[in-house]
Amino acid sequence: MSSETNKSGELPTPDTVMDLLWPGYQLALVKAGFELQVWAKVAAGHRTAPEISAPEGWDVTGTRMLLDAFCAMGLLDKDEAGYRLNSMAQTYLLPGKPTYIGDIFLFDLGWEQRGNLAEAIRSGRRPVINGYTTAQKAAFWAGYLAGRRVAPDRGMEDLDKLWQALGIKARDGLRILDVACGSGIKSLVLARQHPGVRVTLQDWPEVLEVAEEVAAKLALADQVTALPGDLQAVHYGHEQFDVIWFGNITHYYNPKDVVGLLRKACKALVPSGTVVVNAPIADDGRRERKVPMLSAIEMFVCSVEGDVYSGAEYQRFLEQAGFVDVVEISESLIKATKPH
């Protein structure tokens, strides 16, 4: 039987491949909208395609088609007077708002134009985008958290279940260090369960501004301390924490640096303390887990030596750093214990 036929003997259809084109097509439309700043123009009172296109001499038909497409996608509304902003556009699509995502969107979509992935793979010259873990990208990551700023308490029940799966309970005096915390929501949800939980949020200053805003909105500001700076350079302390959480960051680094971060964590934990690594974790054969397999090429694009590591590799890293009792909880969570 030909390898091009399925079990019924029929040739496979191209649907799976063709379906990949549709989201890419929509992303191209949104990219054009940000570049043209159409939402800002509507906000300024330009309600029709001729009004929006005329000042800069755009093609009026193309303008109308693009705006209508945004209406179909839920990114604009339209009434008898013309186009108008809906809540989605007002929140996320207007330049100057703290929740504006245009800069992030254009950066994420622009990397392939600035550096060709195929050529990077041919040559081995990486990353395609520089500096994802540097201070220069702090504003990028802060902007990435726009959704959490708007709705800080969304998904709390799922996050509660995450801590249940880890077997970690909120209690008086529990001290957590959240490394590369982002919005800090995963450690803050545990703090919300008990007023005696104390959380140290570590990230770049611009990101910590968002995390502290989220903490304030959740009425948890009194339970939070900030530790700004480079996660590799800042001092975590000595036997200060009961739990250290690494939030979606270890896969940006090479194995030696991952072990180095974990060693810092081991020193900063009390005896019997727990380290948690939250990152995409590949299966050992890299055949079954789709999200880690897709995430790995992102590391080639945006990190110098990062990779998506397998559970077995993380176990080796953790044991080299001095941890014991390594347990893989899911394809994105692994924990270990500092010896007593």
C-alpha atoms as a PDB file:
ATOM      1  CA  MET A   1       0.000   0.000   0.000  1.00  0.00           C
ATOM      2  CA  SER A   2       1.244   3.492  -0.774  1.00  0.00           C
ATOM      3  CA  SER A   3       2.295   5.562   2.229  1.00  0.00           C
ATOM      4  CA  GLU A   4       0.083   8.318   0.809  1.00  0.00           C
ATOM      5  CA  THR A   5      -3.133   6.412   1.460  1.00  0.00           C
ATOM      6  CA  ASN A   6      -5.047   6.049   4.709  1.00  0.00           C
ATOM      7  CA  LYS A   7      -6.451   2.836   6.219  1.00  0.00           C
ATOM      8  CA  SER A   8      -9.476   2.870   3.952  1.00  0.00           C
ATOM      9  CA  GLY A   9      -7.240   3.028   0.890  1.00  0.00           C
ATOM     10  CA  GLU A  10      -8.193   6.609   0.089  1.00  0.00           C
ATOM     11  CA  LEU A  11      -5.732   9.401  -0.424  1.00  0.00           C
ATOM     12  CA  PRO A  12      -5.542  11.761   2.564  1.00  0.00           C
ATOM     13  CA  THR A  13      -7.171  15.139   2.092  1.00  0.00           C
ATOM     14  CA  PRO A  14      -5.144  18.352   2.474  1.00  0.00           C
ATOM     15  CA  ASP A  15      -7.567  19.713   5.100  1.00  0.00           C
ATOM     16  CA  THR A  16      -5.102  19.565   7.983  1.00  0.00           C
ATOM     17  CA  VAL A  17      -2.492  21.504   6.053  1.00  0.00           C
ATOM     18  CA  MET A  18      -4.977  23.961   4.584  1.00  0.00           C
ATOM     19  CA  ASP A  19      -6.494  24.637   8.009  1.00  0.00           C
ATOM     20  CA  LEU A  20      -3.125  26.037   9.049  1.00  0.00           C
ATOM     21  CA  LEU A  21      -3.575  28.881   6.573  1.00  0.00           C
ATOM     22  CA  TRP A  22      -6.721  30.380   8.122  1.00  0.00           C
ATOM     23  CA  PRO A  23      -5.260  31.642  11.430  1.00  0.00           C
ATOM     24  CA  GLY A  24      -2.221  32.915   9.550  1.00  0.00           C
ATOM     25  CA  TYR A  25      -4.536  34.843   7.236  1.00  0.00           C
ATOM     26  CA  GLN A  26      -6.336  36.430  10.187  1.00  0.00           C
ATOM     27  CA  LEU A  27      -3.042  37.329  11.871  1.00  0.00           C
ATOM     28  CA  ALA A  28      -1.961  39.076   8.683  1.00  0.00           C
ATOM     29  CA  LEU A  29      -5.145  41.160   8.780  1.00  0.00           C
ATOM     30  CA  VAL A  30      -4.593  42.195  12.410  1.00  0.00           C
ATOM     31  CA  LYS A  31      -0.945  43.019  11.665  1.00  0.00           C
ATOM     32  CA  ALA A  32      -2.090  45.356   8.884  1.00  0.00           C
ATOM     33  CA  GLY A  33      -4.633  46.930  11.227  1.00  0.00           C
ATOM     34  CA  PHE A  34      -1.986  47.740  13.825  1.00  0.00           C
ATOM     35  CA  GLU A  35       0.412  49.069  11.204  1.00  0.00           C
ATOM     36  CA  LEU A  36      -2.325  51.306   9.766  1.00  0.00           C
ATOM     37  CA  GLN A  37      -3.572  52.230  13.274  1.00  0.00           C
ATOM     38  CA  VAL A  38      -7.164  51.820  12.123  1.00  0.00           C
ATOM     39  CA  TRP A  39      -8.543  51.559  15.669  1.00  0.00           C
ATOM     40  CA  ALA A  40      -6.906  54.848  16.641  1.00  0.00           C
ATOM     41  CA  LYS A  41      -8.476  56.468  13.572  1.00  0.00           C
ATOM     42  CA  VAL A  42     -11.928  55.170  14.489  1.00  0.00           C
ATOM     43  CA  ALA A  43     -11.397  56.406  18.049  1.00  0.00           C
ATOM     44  CA  ALA A  44     -10.540  59.833  16.624  1.00  0.00           C
ATOM     45  CA  GLY A  45     -14.003  60.001  15.050  1.00  0.00           C
ATOM     46  CA  HIS A  46     -13.411  58.677  11.537  1.00  0.00           C
ATOM     47  CA  ARG A  47     -16.381  56.361  11.091  1.00  0.00           C
ATOM     48  CA  THR A  48     -16.431  55.405   7.393  1.00  0.00           C
ATOM     49  CA  ALA A  49     -13.947  53.868   4.979  1.00  0.00           C
ATOM     50  CA  PRO A  50     -13.650  57.096   2.934  1.00  0.00           C
ATOM     51  CA  GLU A  51     -13.011  59.144   6.094  1.00  0.00           C
ATOM     52  CA  ILE A  52     -10.363  56.721   7.302  1.00  0.00           C
ATOM     53  CA  SER A  53      -8.622  56.260   3.966  1.00  0.00           C
ATOM     54  CA  ALA A  54      -8.676  59.827   2.600  1.00  0.00           C
ATOM     55  CA  PRO A  55      -6.081  61.620   4.819  1.00  0.00           C
ATOM     56  CA  GLU A  56      -3.248  59.324   3.733  1.00  0.00           C
ATOM     57  CA  GLY A  57      -4.585  58.380   0.320  1.00  0.00           C
ATOM     58  CA  TRP A  58      -5.299  54.743   1.077  1.00  0.00           C
ATOM     59  CA  ASP A  59      -7.289  52.582  -1.261  1.00  0.00           C
ATOM     60  CA  VAL A  60     -10.866  53.059  -0.085  1.00  0.00           C
ATOM     61  CA  THR A  61     -12.064  49.637  -1.224  1.00  0.00           C
ATOM     62  CA  GLY A  62      -9.230  47.836   0.544  1.00  0.00           C
ATOM     63  CA  THR A  63      -9.857  49.929   3.652  1.00  0.00           C
ATOM     64  CA  ARG A  64     -13.536  49.009   3.684  1.00  0.00           C
ATOM     65  CA  MET A  65     -12.750  45.311   3.169  1.00  0.00           C
ATOM     66  CA  LEU A  66     -10.229  45.325   6.031  1.00  0.00           C
ATOM     67  CA  LEU A  67     -12.604  47.091   8.413  1.00  0.00           C
ATOM     68  CA  ASP A  68     -15.447  44.735   7.531  1.00  0.00           C
ATOM     69  CA  ALA A  69     -13.140  41.793   8.200  1.00  0.00           C
ATOM     70  CA  PHE A  70     -12.414  43.202  11.657  1.00  0.00           C
ATOM     71  CA  CYS A  71     -16.156  43.405  12.288  1.00  0.00           C
ATOM     72  CA  ALA A  72     -16.455  39.731  11.335  1.00  0.00           C
ATOM     73  CA  MET A  73     -13.587  38.910  13.701  1.00  0.00           C
ATOM     74  CA  GLY A  74     -15.170  40.834  16.604  1.00  0.00           C
ATOM     75  CA  LEU A  75     -12.494  43.544  16.627  1.00  0.00           C
ATOM     76  CA  LEU A  76     -14.810  46.354  15.462  1.00  0.00           C
ATOM     77  CA  ASP A  77     -18.538  47.018  15.430  1.00  0.00           C
ATOM     78  CA  LYS A  78     -20.583  48.705  12.726  1.00  0.00           C
ATOM     79  CA  ASP A  79     -23.888  50.582  12.759  1.00  0.00           C
ATOM     80  CA  GLU A  80     -25.759  52.926  10.428  1.00  0.00           C
ATOM     81  CA  ALA A  81     -23.239  55.720  11.042  1.00  0.00           C
ATOM     82  CA  GLY A  82     -20.249  53.495  10.290  1.00  0.00           C
ATOM     83  CA  TYR A  83     -17.541  51.719  12.256  1.00  0.00           C
ATOM     84  CA  ARG A  84     -17.179  52.024  16.019  1.00  0.00           C
ATOM     85  CA  LEU A  85     -14.969  50.570  18.709  1.00  0.00           C
ATOM     86  CA  ASN A  86     -16.243  47.696  20.804  1.00  0.00           C
ATOM     87  CA  SER A  87     -14.961  46.809  24.268  1.00  0.00           C
ATOM     88  CA  MET A  88     -12.262  44.533  22.857  1.00  0.00           C
ATOM     89  CA  ALA A  89     -10.865  47.303  20.679  1.00  0.00           C
ATOM     90  CA  GLN A  90     -11.133  49.931  23.421  1.00  0.00           C
ATOM     91  CA  THR A  91      -9.248  47.739  25.885  1.00  0.00           C
ATOM     92  CA  TYR A  92      -6.486  46.177  23.813  1.00  0.00           C
ATOM     93  CA  LEU A  93      -6.162  47.898  20.442  1.00  0.00           C
ATOM     94  CA  LEU A  94      -5.715  51.599  21.230  1.00  0.00           C
ATOM     95  CA  PRO A  95      -2.121  52.932  21.398  1.00  0.00           C
ATOM     96  CA  GLY A  96      -1.244  54.638  24.662  1.00  0.00           C
ATOM     97  CA  LYS A  97      -3.385  52.416  26.877  1.00  0.00           C
ATOM     98  CA  PRO A  98      -1.499  50.302  29.439  1.00  0.00           C
ATOM     99  CA  THR A  99      -3.337  47.264  28.077  1.00  0.00           C
ATOM    100  CA  TYR A 100      -2.423  47.947  24.417  1.00  0.00           C
ATOM    101  CA  ILE A 101      -1.106  44.794  22.731  1.00  0.00           C
ATOM    102  CA  GLY A 102      -0.165  46.207  19.341  1.00  0.00           C
ATOM    103  CA  ASP A 103       3.548  46.533  20.023  1.00  0.00           C
ATOM    104  CA  ILE A 104       3.746  42.953  21.278  1.00  0.00           C
ATOM    105  CA  PHE A 105       1.692  41.680  18.382  1.00  0.00           C
ATOM    106  CA  LEU A 106       3.846  43.396  15.771  1.00  0.00           C
ATOM    107  CA  PHE A 107       7.030  42.224  17.465  1.00  0.00           C
ATOM    108  CA  ASP A 108       5.856  38.618  17.594  1.00  0.00           C
ATOM    109  CA  LEU A 109       4.755  38.652  13.969  1.00  0.00           C
ATOM    110  CA  GLY A 110       7.774  40.567  12.712  1.00  0.00           C
ATOM    111  CA  TRP A 111      10.571  38.251  13.769  1.00  0.00           C
ATOM    112  CA  GLU A 112      10.456  36.133  10.628  1.00  0.00           C
ATOM    113  CA  GLN A 113      10.910  39.236   8.497  1.00  0.00           C
ATOM    114  CA  ARG A 114      13.906  40.413  10.518  1.00  0.00           C
ATOM    115  CA  GLY A 115      15.620  37.057  10.552  1.00  0.00           C
ATOM    116  CA  ASN A 116      14.792  34.082   8.416  1.00  0.00           C
ATOM    117  CA  LEU A 117      14.192  30.874  10.361  1.00  0.00           C
ATOM    118  CA  ALA A 118      15.206  28.619   7.493  1.00  0.00           C
ATOM    119  CA  GLU A 119      18.521  30.440   7.114  1.00  0.00           C
ATOM    120  CA  ALA A 120      19.088  30.317  10.891  1.00  0.00           C
ATOM    121  CA  ILE A 121      18.607  26.548  10.829  1.00  0.00           C
ATOM    122  CA  ARG A 122      20.946  26.214   7.841  1.00  0.00           C
ATOM    123  CA  SER A 123      23.674  28.227   9.518  1.00  0.00           C
ATOM    124  CA  GLY A 124      23.048  27.491  13.193  1.00  0.00           C
ATOM    125  CA  ARG A 125      23.206  31.213  13.919  1.00  0.00           C
ATOM    126  CA  ARG A 126      20.719  31.873  16.690  1.00  0.00           C
ATOM    127  CA  PRO A 127      18.711  33.449  18.147  1.00  0.00           C
ATOM    128  CA  VAL A 128      16.636  34.928  15.355  1.00  0.00           C
ATOM    129  CA  ILE A 129      15.353  37.474  17.895  1.00  0.00           C
ATOM    130  CA  ASN A 130      17.804  38.759  20.490  1.00  0.00           C
ATOM    131  CA  GLY A 131      17.343  39.326  24.160  1.00  0.00           C
ATOM    132  CA  TYR A 132      14.132  37.647  25.316  1.00  0.00           C
ATOM    133  CA  THR A 133      15.645  37.216  28.789  1.00  0.00           C
ATOM    134  CA  THR A 134      17.329  40.625  28.944  1.00  0.00           C
ATOM    135  CA  ALA A 135      16.251  43.915  30.446  1.00  0.00           C
ATOM    136  CA  GLN A 136      15.645  45.271  26.943  1.00  0.00           C
ATOM    137  CA  LYS A 137      12.640  42.961  26.633  1.00  0.00           C
ATOM    138  CA  ALA A 138      11.117  43.871  30.004  1.00  0.00           C
ATOM    139  CA  ALA A 139       8.583  46.241  28.456  1.00  0.00           C
ATOM    140  CA  PHE A 140       7.627  43.509  25.976  1.00  0.00           C
ATOM    141  CA  TRP A 141       6.861  41.049  28.772  1.00  0.00           C
ATOM    142  CA  ALA A 142       5.006  43.703  30.754  1.00  0.00           C
ATOM    143  CA  GLY A 143       2.791  44.383  27.752  1.00  0.00           C
ATOM    144  CA  TYR A 144       2.233  40.669  27.306  1.00  0.00           C
ATOM    145  CA  LEU A 145       0.410  40.669  30.648  1.00  0.00           C
ATOM    146  CA  ALA A 146      -2.363  43.028  29.514  1.00  0.00           C
ATOM    147  CA  GLY A 147      -5.089  40.427  29.928  1.00  0.00           C
ATOM    148  CA  ARG A 148      -4.164  39.727  33.539  1.00  0.00           C
ATOM    149  CA  ARG A 149      -4.171  43.464  34.330  1.00  0.00           C
ATOM    150  CA  VAL A 150      -7.722  43.714  33.049  1.00  0.00           C
ATOM    151  CA  ALA A 151      -9.024  40.561  34.749  1.00  0.00           C
ATOM    152  CA  PRO A 152      -6.623  39.576  37.555  1.00  0.00           C
ATOM    153  CA  ASP A 153      -8.924  36.983  39.078  1.00  0.00           C
ATOM    154  CA  ARG A 154      -9.735  34.961  35.978  1.00  0.00           C
ATOM    155  CA  GLY A 155      -9.023  31.234  36.108  1.00  0.00           C
ATOM    156  CA  MET A 156      -8.460  31.140  39.859  1.00  0.00           C
ATOM    157  CA  GLU A 157     -10.119  27.746  40.303  1.00  0.00           C
ATOM    158  CA  ASP A 158      -7.755  26.119  37.799  1.00  0.00           C
ATOM    159  CA  LEU A 159      -4.779  27.672  39.559  1.00  0.00           C
ATOM    160  CA  ASP A 160      -6.031  26.389  42.905  1.00  0.00           C
ATOM    161  CA  LYS A 161      -6.072  22.903  41.367  1.00  0.00           C
ATOM    162  CA  LEU A 162      -2.484  23.388  40.232  1.00  0.00           C
ATOM    163  CA  TRP A 163      -1.323  23.780  43.842  1.00  0.00           C
ATOM    164  CA  GLN A 164      -3.476  20.831  44.876  1.00  0.00           C
ATOM    165  CA  ALA A 165      -1.736  18.699  42.251  1.00  0.00           C
ATOM    166  CA  LEU A 166       1.611  19.790  43.662  1.00  0.00           C
ATOM    167  CA  GLY A 167       0.518  18.899  47.187  1.00  0.00           C
ATOM    168  CA  ILE A 168       1.390  22.374  48.471  1.00  0.00           C
ATOM    169  CA  LYS A 169      -1.066  23.984  50.889  1.00  0.00           C
ATOM    170  CA  ALA A 170      -1.356  27.570  52.034  1.00  0.00           C
ATOM    171  CA  ARG A 171      -0.474  28.038  55.692  1.00  0.00           C
ATOM    172  CA  ASP A 172       0.672  30.681  58.114  1.00  0.00           C
ATOM    173  CA  GLY A 173       4.306  31.562  57.524  1.00  0.00           C
ATOM    174  CA  LEU A 174       4.623  29.884  54.116  1.00  0.00           C
ATOM    175  CA  ARG A 175       7.244  31.789  52.124  1.00  0.00           C
ATOM    176  CA  ILE A 176       7.287  31.614  48.328  1.00  0.00           C
ATOM    177  CA  LEU A 177       9.825  32.962  45.848  1.00  0.00           C
ATOM    178  CA  ASP A 178       8.272  33.354  42.390  1.00  0.00           C
ATOM    179  CA  VAL A 179      11.165  33.597  39.894  1.00  0.00           C
ATOM    180  CA  ALA A 180      10.365  35.233  36.537  1.00  0.00           C
ATOM    181  CA  CYS A 181       6.959  35.851  38.044  1.00  0.00           C
ATOM    182  CA  GLY A 182       5.243  37.683  35.184  1.00  0.00           C
ATOM    183  CA  SER A 183       1.904  38.746  36.636  1.00  0.00           C
ATOM    184  CA  GLY A 184       2.682  36.677  39.736  1.00  0.00           C
ATOM    185  CA  ILE A 185      -0.784  35.177  39.599  1.00  0.00           C
ATOM    186  CA  LYS A 186       0.240  31.580  40.236  1.00  0.00           C
ATOM    187  CA  SER A 187       1.856  32.358  43.576  1.00  0.00           C
ATOM    188  CA  LEU A 188      -0.689  35.059  44.409  1.00  0.00           C
ATOM    189  CA  VAL A 189      -3.527  32.554  44.152  1.00  0.00           C
ATOM    190  CA  LEU A 190      -1.922  30.575  46.968  1.00  0.00           C
ATOM    191  CA  ALA A 191      -1.435  33.753  48.988  1.00  0.00           C
ATOM    192  CA  ARG A 192      -5.132  34.479  48.603  1.00  0.00           C
ATOM    193  CA  GLN A 193      -5.931  31.220  50.380  1.00  0.00           C
ATOM    194  CA  HIS A 194      -4.249  32.325  53.634  1.00  0.00           C
ATOM    195  CA  PRO A 195      -3.255  35.773  54.952  1.00  0.00           C
ATOM    196  CA  GLY A 196      -0.107  34.301  56.497  1.00  0.00           C
ATOM    197  CA  VAL A 197       1.436  33.375  53.123  1.00  0.00           C
ATOM    198  CA  ARG A 198       4.267  35.679  52.034  1.00  0.00           C
ATOM    199  CA  VAL A 199       5.301  35.969  48.378  1.00  0.00           C
ATOM    200  CA  THR A 200       8.507  37.427  46.926  1.00  0.00           C
ATOM    201  CA  LEU A 201       7.990  38.329  43.269  1.00  0.00           C
ATOM    202  CA  GLN A 202      11.149  38.333  41.144  1.00  0.00           C
ATOM    203  CA  ASP A 203      11.323  39.847  37.643  1.00  0.00           C
ATOM    204  CA  TRP A 204      12.412  42.962  35.769  1.00  0.00           C
ATOM    205  CA  PRO A 205      11.126  46.223  37.312  1.00  0.00           C
ATOM    206  CA  GLU A 206       8.686  46.932  34.454  1.00  0.00           C
ATOM    207  CA  VAL A 207       7.156  43.486  34.859  1.00  0.00           C
ATOM    208  CA  LEU A 208       6.998  43.829  38.633  1.00  0.00           C
ATOM    209  CA  GLU A 209       4.913  46.980  38.214  1.00  0.00           C
ATOM    210  CA  VAL A 210       2.237  44.833  36.579  1.00  0.00           C
ATOM    211  CA  ALA A 211       2.574  42.062  39.184  1.00  0.00           C
ATOM    212  CA  GLU A 212       2.233  44.543  42.033  1.00  0.00           C
ATOM    213  CA  GLU A 213      -0.814  46.079  40.341  1.00  0.00           C
ATOM    214  CA  VAL A 214      -2.371  42.616  40.103  1.00  0.00           C
ATOM    215  CA  ALA A 215      -1.557  41.949  43.768  1.00  0.00           C
ATOM    216  CA  ALA A 216      -3.166  45.239  44.764  1.00  0.00           C
ATOM    217  CA  LYS A 217      -6.326  44.476  42.790  1.00  0.00           C
ATOM    218  CA  LEU A 218      -6.530  41.135  44.584  1.00  0.00           C
ATOM    219  CA  ALA A 219      -6.039  42.888  47.966  1.00  0.00           C
ATOM    220  CA  LEU A 220      -2.757  41.030  48.491  1.00  0.00           C
ATOM    221  CA  ALA A 221      -0.271  43.896  48.406  1.00  0.00           C
ATOM    222  CA  ASP A 222       0.593  43.501  52.107  1.00  0.00           C
ATOM    223  CA  GLN A 223       1.680  39.902  51.481  1.00  0.00           C
ATOM    224  CA  VAL A 224       4.053  40.738  48.622  1.00  0.00           C
ATOM    225  CA  THR A 225       7.710  41.792  48.384  1.00  0.00           C
ATOM    226  CA  ALA A 226       9.508  42.637  45.148  1.00  0.00           C
ATOM    227  CA  LEU A 227      12.931  41.348  44.080  1.00  0.00           C
ATOM    228  CA  PRO A 228      13.786  43.227  40.857  1.00  0.00           C
ATOM    229  CA  GLY A 229      16.545  42.348  38.424  1.00  0.00           C
ATOM    230  CA  ASP A 230      18.124  39.621  36.333  1.00  0.00           C
ATOM    231  CA  LEU A 231      17.123  36.234  37.690  1.00  0.00           C
ATOM    232  CA  GLN A 232      20.653  34.929  37.187  1.00  0.00           C
ATOM    233  CA  ALA A 233      22.266  37.878  38.973  1.00  0.00           C
ATOM    234  CA  VAL A 234      19.994  38.611  41.935  1.00  0.00           C
ATOM    235  CA  HIS A 235      20.649  36.900  45.248  1.00  0.00           C
ATOM    236  CA  TYR A 236      17.864  34.572  46.360  1.00  0.00           C
ATOM    237  CA  GLY A 237      19.125  34.356  49.928  1.00  0.00           C
ATOM    238  CA  HIS A 238      20.017  31.431  52.176  1.00  0.00           C
ATOM    239  CA  GLU A 239      17.336  29.111  53.559  1.00  0.00           C
ATOM    240  CA  GLN A 240      14.696  31.831  53.254  1.00  0.00           C
ATOM    241  CA  PHE A 241      11.883  30.122  51.360  1.00  0.00           C
ATOM    242  CA  ASP A 242       9.642  27.090  51.669  1.00  0.00           C
ATOM    243  CA  VAL A 243       8.733  27.049  47.964  1.00  0.00           C
ATOM    244  CA  ILE A 244      10.559  28.403  44.921  1.00  0.00           C
ATOM    245  CA  TRP A 245       8.615  28.592  41.683  1.00  0.00           C
ATOM    246  CA  PHE A 246      10.313  28.963  38.295  1.00  0.00           C
ATOM    247  CA  GLY A 247       7.672  30.312  35.947  1.00  0.00           C
ATOM    248  CA  ASN A 248       8.135  29.385  32.274  1.00  0.00           C
ATOM    249  CA  ILE A 249      11.750  30.466  32.155  1.00  0.00           C
ATOM    250  CA  THR A 250      14.174  27.539  32.492  1.00  0.00           C
ATOM    251  CA  HIS A 251      13.777  26.448  28.859  1.00  0.00           C
ATOM    252  CA  TYR A 252      15.313  29.758  27.720  1.00  0.00           C
ATOM    253  CA  TYR A 253      18.684  28.629  29.118  1.00  0.00           C
ATOM    254  CA  ASN A 254      21.246  25.950  28.356  1.00  0.00           C
ATOM    255  CA  PRO A 255      21.595  22.939  30.693  1.00  0.00           C
ATOM    256  CA  LYS A 256      24.546  24.399  32.599  1.00  0.00           C
ATOM    257  CA  ASP A 257      22.651  27.601  33.340  1.00  0.00           C
ATOM    258  CA  VAL A 258      19.505  25.696  34.306  1.00  0.00           C
ATOM    259  CA  VAL A 259      21.513  23.706  36.851  1.00  0.00           C
ATOM    260  CA  GLY A 260      23.016  26.979  38.088  1.00  0.00           C
ATOM    261  CA  LEU A 261      19.575  28.483  38.676  1.00  0.00           C
ATOM    262  CA  LEU A 262      18.428  25.343  40.455  1.00  0.00           C
ATOM    263  CA  ARG A 263      21.512  25.375  42.692  1.00  0.00           C
ATOM    264  CA  LYS A 264      20.682  28.951  43.706  1.00  0.00           C
ATOM    265  CA  ALA A 265      17.180  27.771  44.509  1.00  0.00           C
ATOM    266  CA  CYS A 266      18.470  24.868  46.579  1.00  0.00           C
ATOM    267  CA  LYS A 267      20.568  27.223  48.712  1.00  0.00           C
ATOM    268  CA  ALA A 268      17.628  29.586  49.180  1.00  0.00           C
ATOM    269  CA  LEU A 269      15.209  26.880  50.288  1.00  0.00           C
ATOM    270  CA  VAL A 270      14.836  25.641  53.830  1.00  0.00           C
ATOM    271  CA  PRO A 271      15.553  21.940  54.381  1.00  0.00           C
ATOM    272  CA  SER A 272      12.666  19.901  52.946  1.00  0.00           C
ATOM    273  CA  GLY A 273      11.647  22.937  50.856  1.00  0.00           C
ATOM    274  CA  THR A 274      10.149  22.455  47.412  1.00  0.00           C
ATOM    275  CA  VAL A 275      11.248  23.738  44.023  1.00  0.00           C
ATOM    276  CA  VAL A 276       8.689  23.782  41.217  1.00  0.00           C
ATOM    277  CA  VAL A 277       9.611  24.149  37.554  1.00  0.00           C
ATOM    278  CA  ASN A 278       6.734  25.319  35.376  1.00  0.00           C
ATOM    279  CA  ALA A 279       7.836  24.859  31.751  1.00  0.00           C
ATOM    280  CA  PRO A 280       6.962  22.753  28.707  1.00  0.00           C
ATOM    281  CA  ILE A 281       8.333  19.270  29.394  1.00  0.00           C
ATOM    282  CA  ALA A 282       8.915  16.938  26.464  1.00  0.00           C
ATOM    283  CA  ASP A 283       8.382  13.214  26.630  1.00  0.00           C
ATOM    284  CA  ASP A 284      11.645  11.326  26.521  1.00  0.00           C
ATOM    285  CA  GLY A 285      11.272  10.334  22.857  1.00  0.00           C
ATOM    286  CA  ARG A 286       9.923  13.724  21.792  1.00  0.00           C
ATOM    287  CA  ARG A 287       7.101  11.983  19.948  1.00  0.00           C
ATOM    288  CA  GLU A 288       3.901  12.427  21.946  1.00  0.00           C
ATOM    289  CA  ARG A 289       3.526  15.818  23.638  1.00  0.00           C
ATOM    290  CA  LYS A 290       2.535  18.358  21.014  1.00  0.00           C
ATOM    291  CA  VAL A 291       2.833  21.605  22.995  1.00  0.00           C
ATOM    292  CA  PRO A 292       6.443  20.972  24.090  1.00  0.00           C
ATOM    293  CA  MET A 293       7.362  19.926  20.548  1.00  0.00           C
ATOM    294  CA  LEU A 294       5.964  23.175  19.149  1.00  0.00           C
ATOM    295  CA  SER A 295       7.491  25.243  21.940  1.00  0.00           C
ATOM    296  CA  ALA A 296      10.996  23.944  21.259  1.00  0.00           C
ATOM    297  CA  ILE A 297      11.408  25.764  17.943  1.00  0.00           C
ATOM    298  CA  GLU A 298      10.421  28.998  19.724  1.00  0.00           C
ATOM    299  CA  MET A 299      13.488  28.526  21.894  1.00  0.00           C
ATOM    300  CA  PHE A 300      15.635  28.262  18.773  1.00  0.00           C
ATOM    301  CA  VAL A 301      14.136  31.527  17.553  1.00  0.00           C
ATOM    302  CA  CYS A 302      14.385  33.598  20.726  1.00  0.00           C
ATOM    303  CA  SER A 303      17.123  32.154  22.934  1.00  0.00           C
ATOM    304  CA  VAL A 304      20.848  31.663  22.478  1.00  0.00           C
ATOM    305  CA  GLU A 305      21.015  28.083  23.767  1.00  0.00           C
ATOM    306  CA  GLY A 306      17.599  27.259  25.219  1.00  0.00           C
ATOM    307  CA  ASP A 307      15.612  24.092  24.569  1.00  0.00           C
ATOM    308  CA  VAL A 308      12.504  22.293  25.735  1.00  0.00           C
ATOM    309  CA  TYR A 309      13.857  19.595  28.027  1.00  0.00           C
ATOM    310  CA  SER A 310      12.401  16.203  28.806  1.00  0.00           C
ATOM    311  CA  GLY A 311      11.338  14.946  32.211  1.00  0.00           C
ATOM    312  CA  ALA A 312      14.450  12.784  32.371  1.00  0.00           C
ATOM    313  CA  GLU A 313      16.644  15.785  31.597  1.00  0.00           C
ATOM    314  CA  TYR A 314      14.970  17.883  34.281  1.00  0.00           C
ATOM    315  CA  GLN A 315      15.428  15.063  36.754  1.00  0.00           C
ATOM    316  CA  ARG A 316      19.146  15.059  35.982  1.00  0.00           C
ATOM    317  CA  PHE A 317      19.358  18.860  36.307  1.00  0.00           C
ATOM    318  CA  LEU A 318      17.536  18.812  39.639  1.00  0.00           C
ATOM    319  CA  GLU A 319      19.642  16.013  41.065  1.00  0.00           C
ATOM    320  CA  GLN A 320      22.849  17.765  39.952  1.00  0.00           C
ATOM    321  CA  ALA A 321      21.627  20.862  41.791  1.00  0.00           C
ATOM    322  CA  GLY A 322      21.192  18.865  45.001  1.00  0.00           C
ATOM    323  CA  PHE A 323      17.503  17.986  44.980  1.00  0.00           C
ATOM    324  CA  VAL A 324      15.873  14.645  45.697  1.00  0.00           C
ATOM    325  CA  ASP A 325      12.418  13.106  45.230  1.00  0.00           C
ATOM    326  CA  VAL A 326      11.869  14.486  41.727  1.00  0.00           C
ATOM    327  CA  VAL A 327       8.236  14.119  40.630  1.00  0.00           C
ATOM    328  CA  GLU A 328       6.858  15.004  37.209  1.00  0.00           C
ATOM    329  CA  ILE A 329       3.306  16.245  37.777  1.00  0.00           C
ATOM    330  CA  SER A 330       2.298  16.994  34.190  1.00  0.00           C
ATOM    331  CA  GLU A 331       3.789  17.989  30.856  1.00  0.00           C
ATOM    332  CA  SER A 332       4.355  21.468  32.288  1.00  0.00           C
ATOM    333  CA  LEU A 333       5.120  20.872  35.981  1.00  0.00           C
ATOM    334  CA  ILE A 334       7.906  19.088  37.813  1.00  0.00           C
ATOM    335  CA  LYS A 335       8.875  19.393  41.464  1.00  0.00           C
ATOM    336  CA  ALA A 336      11.668  18.257  43.760  1.00  0.00           C
ATOM    337  CA  THR A 337      12.687  18.506  47.396  1.00  0.00           C
ATOM    338  CA  LYS A 338      15.742  19.866  49.141  1.00  0.00           C
ATOM    339  CA  PRO A 339      17.155  17.188  51.448  1.00  0.00           C
ATOM    340  CA  HIS A 340      16.481  17.671  55.148  1.00  0.00           C
END
